C-alpha atoms as a PDB file:
ATOM      1  CA  MET A   1      36.863 100.514 221.363  1.00  0.00           C
ATOM      2  CA  ARG A   2      40.331 101.637 220.446  1.00  0.00           C
ATOM      3  CA  ASP A   3      40.541  99.642 217.367  1.00  0.00           C
ATOM      4  CA  GLY A   4      37.374 101.104 215.916  1.00  0.00           C
ATOM      5  CA  MET A   5      38.935 104.562 216.521  1.00  0.00           C
ATOM      6  CA  ALA A   6      42.090 103.645 214.575  1.00  0.00           C
ATOM      7  CA  THR A   7      39.922 102.432 211.653  1.00  0.00           C
ATOM      8  CA  GLY A   8      38.158 105.470 211.711  1.00  0.00           C
ATOM      9  CA  GLU A   9      41.149 107.702 211.552  1.00  0.00           C
ATOM     10  CA  ALA A  10      42.772 105.826 208.884  1.00  0.00           C
ATOM     11  CA  ARG A  11      39.682 106.167 206.880  1.00  0.00           C
ATOM     12  CA  ALA A  12      39.594 110.003 207.218  1.00  0.00           C
ATOM     13  CA  SER A  13      43.001 110.088 206.499  1.00  0.00           C
ATOM     14  CA  GLU A  14      42.389 108.237 202.825  1.00  0.00           C
ATOM     15  CA  ALA A  15      39.349 110.699 202.540  1.00  0.00           C
ATOM     16  CA  ASP A  16      42.076 113.596 202.936  1.00  0.00           C
ATOM     17  CA  ALA A  17      44.589 112.273 200.756  1.00  0.00           C
ATOM     18  CA  ALA A  18      41.954 111.008 197.788  1.00  0.00           C
ATOM     19  CA  PRO A  19      41.376 115.037 196.848  1.00  0.00           C
ATOM     20  CA  ALA A  20      45.281 116.003 197.181  1.00  0.00           C
ATOM     21  CA  ALA A  21      46.024 112.935 194.906  1.00  0.00           C
ATOM     22  CA  GLU A  22      43.326 113.913 191.986  1.00  0.00           C
ATOM     23  CA  GLY A  23      44.651 117.680 192.198  1.00  0.00           C
ATOM     24  CA  ILE A  24      48.182 116.696 191.210  1.00  0.00           C
ATOM     25  CA  ARG A  25      48.889 117.749 187.321  1.00  0.00           C
ATOM     26  CA  VAL A  26      51.451 114.897 185.755  1.00  0.00           C
ATOM     27  CA  THR A  27      53.211 116.472 182.493  1.00  0.00           C
ATOM     28  CA  ASP A  28      54.988 114.209 179.923  1.00  0.00           C
ATOM     29  CA  ARG A  29      58.012 115.679 178.633  1.00  0.00           C
ATOM     30  CA  ARG A  30      59.052 112.811 176.452  1.00  0.00           C
ATOM     31  CA  ARG A  31      59.799 114.115 172.901  1.00  0.00           C
ATOM     32  CA  VAL A  32      59.617 110.923 171.020  1.00  0.00           C
ATOM     33  CA  SER A  33      56.048 109.361 170.534  1.00  0.00           C
ATOM     34  CA  LEU A  34      55.661 105.900 170.497  1.00  0.00           C
ATOM     35  CA  ASP A  35      52.445 106.352 167.887  1.00  0.00           C
ATOM     36  CA  GLU A  36      53.662 108.769 165.189  1.00  0.00           C
ATOM     37  CA  PRO A  37      57.030 110.788 165.186  1.00  0.00           C
ATOM     38  CA  GLU A  38      57.158 114.603 166.220  1.00  0.00           C
ATOM     39  CA  GLU A  39      57.104 117.167 163.293  1.00  0.00           C
ATOM     40  CA  GLY A  40      60.455 117.787 162.384  1.00  0.00           C
ATOM     41  CA  ALA A  41      61.907 115.079 163.611  1.00  0.00           C
ATOM     42  CA  HIS A  42      63.917 112.358 161.075  1.00  0.00           C
ATOM     43  CA  ALA A  43      63.747 109.041 160.850  1.00  0.00           C
ATOM     44  CA  GLN A  44      66.569 107.325 161.822  1.00  0.00           C
ATOM     45  CA  GLU A  45      68.201 105.981 158.705  1.00  0.00           C
ATOM     46  CA  PRO A  46      69.045 101.856 158.125  1.00  0.00           C
ATOM     47  CA  GLN A  47      72.206 100.862 158.446  1.00  0.00           C
ATOM     48  CA  ASP A  48      73.835  99.163 155.474  1.00  0.00           C
ATOM     49  CA  ALA A  49      73.476  95.711 155.088  1.00  0.00           C
ATOM     50  CA  PRO A  50      76.657  93.786 155.888  1.00  0.00           C
ATOM     51  CA  SER A  51      78.267  92.067 152.490  1.00  0.00           C
ATOM     52  CA  LEU A  52      77.896  88.346 152.264  1.00  0.00           C
ATOM     53  CA  LYS A  53      80.338  88.343 149.616  1.00  0.00           C
ATOM     54  CA  PRO A  54      83.882  86.664 150.491  1.00  0.00           C
ATOM     55  CA  LYS A  55      86.528  89.173 150.367  1.00  0.00           C
ATOM     56  CA  TYR A  56      88.738  87.938 147.553  1.00  0.00           C
ATOM     57  CA  VAL A  57      85.244  87.713 145.102  1.00  0.00           C
ATOM     58  CA  GLU A  58      84.998  91.618 145.976  1.00  0.00           C
ATOM     59  CA  GLU A  59      88.852  92.113 144.917  1.00  0.00           C
ATOM     60  CA  LEU A  60      88.234  90.128 141.575  1.00  0.00           C
ATOM     61  CA  GLU A  61      85.564  92.268 140.980  1.00  0.00           C
ATOM     62  CA  ALA A  62      87.665  95.447 141.489  1.00  0.00           C
ATOM     63  CA  ARG A  63      90.048  94.031 139.227  1.00  0.00           C
ATOM     64  CA  THR A  64      87.549  93.096 136.416  1.00  0.00           C
ATOM     65  CA  ARG A  65      86.398  96.724 136.690  1.00  0.00           C
ATOM     66  CA  ALA A  66      89.791  98.363 136.660  1.00  0.00           C
ATOM     67  CA  ALA A  67      90.947  96.052 133.473  1.00  0.00           C
ATOM     68  CA  GLU A  68      87.459  96.951 131.664  1.00  0.00           C
ATOM     69  CA  GLY A  69      88.331 100.655 132.316  1.00  0.00           C
ATOM     70  CA  LEU A  70      91.831 100.186 130.963  1.00  0.00           C
ATOM     71  CA  ALA A  71      90.643  98.228 128.081  1.00  0.00           C
ATOM     72  CA  GLN A  72      87.993 101.168 127.216  1.00  0.00           C
ATOM     73  CA  ASP A  73      90.785 103.560 127.056  1.00  0.00           C
ATOM     74  CA  VAL A  74      93.276 101.548 125.126  1.00  0.00           C
ATOM     75  CA  GLN A  75      90.183 100.960 122.579  1.00  0.00           C
ATOM     76  CA  ALA A  76      89.967 104.786 122.475  1.00  0.00           C
ATOM     77  CA  ARG A  77      93.692 105.350 121.995  1.00  0.00           C
ATOM     78  CA  PHE A  78      93.789 102.609 119.105  1.00  0.00           C
ATOM     79  CA  GLU A  79      91.075 104.274 117.172  1.00  0.00           C
ATOM     80  CA  GLN A  80      92.346 107.567 117.799  1.00  0.00           C
ATOM     81  CA  VAL A  81      95.570 106.369 116.441  1.00  0.00           C
ATOM     82  CA  ARG A  82      94.039 104.675 113.616  1.00  0.00           C
ATOM     83  CA  ALA A  83      92.252 107.845 112.447  1.00  0.00           C
ATOM     84  CA  GLU A  84      95.499 109.225 112.563  1.00  0.00           C
ATOM     85  CA  LEU A  85      97.244 107.161 110.550  1.00  0.00           C
ATOM     86  CA  LYS A  86      94.665 106.725 108.035  1.00  0.00           C
ATOM     87  CA  ARG A  87      94.653 110.702 107.552  1.00  0.00           C
ATOM     88  CA  GLU A  88      98.209 110.757 107.437  1.00  0.00           C
ATOM     89  CA  THR A  89      98.084 107.891 104.236  1.00  0.00           C
ATOM     90  CA  ASP A  90      95.848 109.586 102.392  1.00  0.00           C
ATOM     91  CA  GLU A  91      97.439 112.567 102.513  1.00  0.00           C
ATOM     92  CA  VAL A  92     100.869 110.783 101.349  1.00  0.00           C
ATOM     93  CA  ARG A  93      98.862 109.173  98.739  1.00  0.00           C
ATOM     94  CA  GLN A  94      97.547 112.292  97.045  1.00  0.00           C
ATOM     95  CA  ARG A  95     100.626 113.957  97.746  1.00  0.00           C
ATOM     96  CA  LEU A  96     102.458 110.978  95.607  1.00  0.00           C
ATOM     97  CA  THR A  97      99.822 111.176  92.855  1.00  0.00           C
ATOM     98  CA  ARG A  98     100.250 114.926  92.471  1.00  0.00           C
ATOM     99  CA  THR A  99     103.950 114.695  92.253  1.00  0.00           C
ATOM    100  CA  ALA A 100     103.489 111.483  89.815  1.00  0.00           C
ATOM    101  CA  ASP A 101     101.031 113.778  87.704  1.00  0.00           C
ATOM    102  CA  GLU A 102     103.203 116.609  87.754  1.00  0.00           C
ATOM    103  CA  ARG A 103     106.243 115.058  86.226  1.00  0.00           C
ATOM    104  CA  ALA A 104     104.276 112.739  83.900  1.00  0.00           C
ATOM    105  CA  ASN A 105     103.041 116.223  82.492  1.00  0.00           C
ATOM    106  CA  ARG A 106     106.757 117.673  82.594  1.00  0.00           C
ATOM    107  CA  GLU A 107     108.131 114.779  80.781  1.00  0.00           C
ATOM    108  CA  LYS A 108     105.184 115.201  78.259  1.00  0.00           C
ATOM    109  CA  ALA A 109     105.689 119.005  77.998  1.00  0.00           C
ATOM    110  CA  ALA A 110     109.469 117.833  77.323  1.00  0.00           C
ATOM    111  CA  PHE A 111     108.778 115.564  74.309  1.00  0.00           C
ATOM    112  CA  VAL A 112     106.115 117.769  72.871  1.00  0.00           C
ATOM    113  CA  GLY A 113     108.668 120.387  73.064  1.00  0.00           C
ATOM    114  CA  ALA A 114     111.501 118.304  71.353  1.00  0.00           C
ATOM    115  CA  LEU A 115     109.253 117.708  68.509  1.00  0.00           C
ATOM    116  CA  LEU A 116     108.554 121.437  67.424  1.00  0.00           C
ATOM    117  CA  PRO A 117     111.784 121.733  65.538  1.00  0.00           C
ATOM    118  CA  VAL A 118     110.770 118.107  63.718  1.00  0.00           C
ATOM    119  CA  MET A 119     107.495 120.219  62.424  1.00  0.00           C
ATOM    120  CA  GLU A 120     109.483 123.055  61.465  1.00  0.00           C
ATOM    121  CA  ASN A 121     111.975 121.086  59.421  1.00  0.00           C
ATOM    122  CA  LEU A 122     109.122 119.754  57.652  1.00  0.00           C
ATOM    123  CA  GLN A 123     107.456 123.227  57.268  1.00  0.00           C
ATOM    124  CA  ARG A 124     110.668 124.657  55.833  1.00  0.00           C
ATOM    125  CA  ALA A 125     111.191 121.592  53.770  1.00  0.00           C
ATOM    126  CA  MET A 126     107.821 122.190  52.241  1.00  0.00           C
ATOM    127  CA  GLU A 127     108.115 125.446  51.563  1.00  0.00           C
ATOM    128  CA  ALA A 128     111.489 125.038  49.674  1.00  0.00           C
ATOM    129  CA  ALA A 129     109.899 122.163  47.139  1.00  0.00           C
ATOM    130  CA  GLU A 130     106.775 124.620  46.700  1.00  0.00           C
ATOM    131  CA  SER A 131     109.092 127.496  45.871  1.00  0.00           C
ATOM    132  CA  GLY A 132     110.939 125.469  43.358  1.00  0.00           C
ATOM    133  CA  GLY A 133     114.034 124.572  45.241  1.00  0.00           C
ATOM    134  CA  SER A 134     116.853 122.318  44.442  1.00  0.00           C
ATOM    135  CA  LEU A 135     116.130 118.235  44.879  1.00  0.00           C
ATOM    136  CA  ASP A 136     119.496 118.417  46.989  1.00  0.00           C
ATOM    137  CA  ALA A 137     117.999 121.189  49.099  1.00  0.00           C
ATOM    138  CA  LEU A 138     115.067 119.102  49.767  1.00  0.00           C
ATOM    139  CA  LEU A 139     116.368 116.100  50.748  1.00  0.00           C
ATOM    140  CA  GLU A 140     118.796 118.105  52.930  1.00  0.00           C
ATOM    141  CA  GLY A 141     116.183 119.078  54.776  1.00  0.00           C
ATOM    142  CA  LEU A 142     114.412 115.781  54.968  1.00  0.00           C
ATOM    143  CA  ARG A 143     117.612 114.492  56.673  1.00  0.00           C
ATOM    144  CA  GLY A 144     117.555 117.284  58.965  1.00  0.00           C
ATOM    145  CA  THR A 145     113.786 116.772  59.916  1.00  0.00           C
ATOM    146  CA  ILE A 146     114.571 112.755  60.371  1.00  0.00           C
ATOM    147  CA  ASN A 147     117.764 113.377  62.716  1.00  0.00           C
ATOM    148  CA  GLY A 148     115.509 115.662  64.872  1.00  0.00           C
ATOM    149  CA  PHE A 149     112.538 113.251  64.861  1.00  0.00           C
ATOM    150  CA  GLU A 150     115.138 110.759  66.336  1.00  0.00           C
ATOM    151  CA  ASN A 151     116.933 113.129  69.177  1.00  0.00           C
ATOM    152  CA  ALA A 152     113.572 113.763  70.228  1.00  0.00           C
ATOM    153  CA  LEU A 153     112.836 110.180  70.505  1.00  0.00           C
ATOM    154  CA  ALA A 154     115.911 109.711  72.234  1.00  0.00           C
ATOM    155  CA  SER A 155     114.864 112.437  74.755  1.00  0.00           C
ATOM    156  CA  GLY A 156     111.653 110.893  75.603  1.00  0.00           C
ATOM    157  CA  GLY A 157     113.453 107.318  76.346  1.00  0.00           C
ATOM    158  CA  ILE A 158     112.537 105.832  73.123  1.00  0.00           C
ATOM    159  CA  GLU A 159     115.315 103.953  71.158  1.00  0.00           C
ATOM    160  CA  THR A 160     115.674 101.938  68.338  1.00  0.00           C
ATOM    161  CA  PHE A 161     117.461  98.505  67.824  1.00  0.00           C
ATOM    162  CA  THR A 162     119.495  96.777  64.818  1.00  0.00           C
ATOM    163  CA  ALA A 163     117.857  93.707  63.615  1.00  0.00           C
ATOM    164  CA  SER A 164     119.642  93.037  60.376  1.00  0.00           C
ATOM    165  CA  GLY A 165     122.426  89.886  60.772  1.00  0.00           C
ATOM    166  CA  GLU A 166     121.208  89.023  64.194  1.00  0.00           C
ATOM    167  CA  GLN A 167     119.559  85.720  65.052  1.00  0.00           C
ATOM    168  CA  PHE A 168     115.692  85.726  64.589  1.00  0.00           C
ATOM    169  CA  ASP A 169     113.949  86.326  67.861  1.00  0.00           C
ATOM    170  CA  PRO A 170     110.227  86.418  67.700  1.00  0.00           C
ATOM    171  CA  GLU A 171     109.713  88.781  70.713  1.00  0.00           C
ATOM    172  CA  MET A 172     111.727  91.086  69.134  1.00  0.00           C
ATOM    173  CA  HIS A 173     111.163  91.149  65.040  1.00  0.00           C
ATOM    174  CA  GLU A 174     108.144  90.313  63.037  1.00  0.00           C
ATOM    175  CA  ALA A 175     108.958  88.028  60.013  1.00  0.00           C
ATOM    176  CA  VAL A 176     107.538  89.514  56.982  1.00  0.00           C
ATOM    177  CA  ASP A 177     108.996  86.973  54.638  1.00  0.00           C
ATOM    178  CA  THR A 178     111.889  84.427  54.296  1.00  0.00           C
ATOM    179  CA  ILE A 179     114.648  84.057  51.661  1.00  0.00           C
ATOM    180  CA  GLU A 180     116.999  81.020  51.062  1.00  0.00           C
ATOM    181  CA  VAL A 181     120.566  81.476  52.375  1.00  0.00           C
ATOM    182  CA  GLU A 182     123.524  79.118  52.740  1.00  0.00           C
ATOM    183  CA  ALA A 183     123.271  76.408  55.987  1.00  0.00           C
ATOM    184  CA  GLU A 184     125.182  78.571  58.243  1.00  0.00           C
ATOM    185  CA  ARG A 185     122.882  81.502  57.584  1.00  0.00           C
ATOM    186  CA  ASP A 186     119.974  80.020  58.749  1.00  0.00           C
ATOM    187  CA  GLY A 187     117.262  81.920  60.873  1.00  0.00           C
ATOM    188  CA  LEU A 188     119.336  85.387  60.473  1.00  0.00           C
ATOM    189  CA  VAL A 189     117.839  88.329  59.720  1.00  0.00           C
ATOM    190  CA  THR A 190     118.828  89.229  56.189  1.00  0.00           C
ATOM    191  CA  ALA A 191     116.938  92.237  55.415  1.00  0.00           C
ATOM    192  CA  GLU A 192     114.862  95.080  57.616  1.00  0.00           C
ATOM    193  CA  TYR A 193     111.787  96.339  55.943  1.00  0.00           C
ATOM    194  CA  GLY A 194     111.075  98.787  59.567  1.00  0.00           C
ATOM    195  CA  ARG A 195     112.673  99.698  62.775  1.00  0.00           C
ATOM    196  CA  GLY A 196     112.101  98.099  66.065  1.00  0.00           C
ATOM    197  CA  TYR A 197     111.548 100.839  69.123  1.00  0.00           C
ATOM    198  CA  ARG A 198     111.869 100.174  72.917  1.00  0.00           C
ATOM    199  CA  MET A 199     111.225 102.383  75.546  1.00  0.00           C
ATOM    200  CA  LYS A 200     112.971 101.318  79.126  1.00  0.00           C
ATOM    201  CA  GLY A 201     113.517  97.813  78.155  1.00  0.00           C
ATOM    202  CA  GLN A 202     109.786  97.569  77.152  1.00  0.00           C
ATOM    203  CA  LEU A 203     109.264  96.818  73.311  1.00  0.00           C
ATOM    204  CA  LEU A 204     107.193  99.345  71.630  1.00  0.00           C
ATOM    205  CA  ARG A 205     107.175  97.548  68.245  1.00  0.00           C
ATOM    206  CA  PRO A 206     108.890  94.820  66.528  1.00  0.00           C
ATOM    207  CA  ALA A 207     111.526  94.674  63.633  1.00  0.00           C
ATOM    208  CA  ARG A 208     109.524  94.177  60.220  1.00  0.00           C
ATOM    209  CA  VAL A 209     112.080  92.025  58.537  1.00  0.00           C
ATOM    210  CA  GLN A 210     113.298  88.978  56.164  1.00  0.00           C
ATOM    211  CA  VAL A 211     114.638  86.052  57.757  1.00  0.00           C
ATOM    212  CA  GLY A 212     117.071  83.642  56.108  1.00  0.00           C
ATOM    213  CA  ARG A 213     116.111  79.625  55.484  1.00  0.00           C
ATOM    214  CA  ALA A 214     118.621  76.866  54.396  1.00  0.00           C
ATOM    215  CA  ARG A 215     117.677  74.737  51.656  1.00  0.00           C
ATOM    216  CA  GLY A 216     115.639  71.792  53.140  1.00  0.00           C
ATOM    217  CA  ALA A 217     114.998  73.520  56.776  1.00  0.00           C
ATOM    218  CA  GLY A 218     111.471  74.155  55.638  1.00  0.00           C
ATOM    219  CA  ALA A 219     111.198  70.323  55.135  1.00  0.00           C
ATOM    220  CA  GLN A 220     113.062  69.392  58.003  1.00  0.00           C
ATOM    221  CA  ALA A 221     110.845  71.582  60.555  1.00  0.00           C
ATOM    222  CA  ALA A 222     107.772  70.272  58.855  1.00  0.00           C
ATOM    223  CA  ALA A 223     108.813  66.714  59.400  1.00  0.00           C
ATOM    224  CA  ALA A 224     109.789  67.355  62.877  1.00  0.00           C
ATOM    225  CA  ASP A 225     106.549  69.018  63.652  1.00  0.00           C
ATOM    226  CA  ASP A 226     104.670  66.047  62.155  1.00  0.00           C
END
């Protein structure tokens, strides 16, 4: 009987506790949802993956990048220096050309200026001849004109050279004809028909000359050629 009463009391206690348990309200205060992140929450950023390259490879790559950057700087500097050098070279070339042109124009003007007195002497000689002047006065005027012309040529760096009595030189003389001479005068210039001119060592015109040939020299030369 006592066991039956104890069982009844236990059942009554469980019946009384059940409504109380159903009336308890549980509030979940966790901020992170397992299904979706709450509004305003930031997703956790993934950490950088560890490098799989050996350390010495990374050092070589860093040195390579540094060397490439240095090479680019050197190339840029080289291009700049080359452009400056080209500009300076062009300026120097233009300045030298301009200076040479100015010098040539000055020399030309000086040469023409030296010829003006020659023309004036020729004009005076012509006027004297037309006005019935004496032959001596005309000849004197012509001599003055020739002297003035020679002085003008000398001022321009042009000089004449003597050919008479010199050994014939085909580079300096032009043989117009020959004359028979003694054996010791063979190959010498015996007469000068036109003066030779040169300027600063450069031949302008060879002298037109007569060349002496010893008797039998022509036949010997022909036999030697055969």
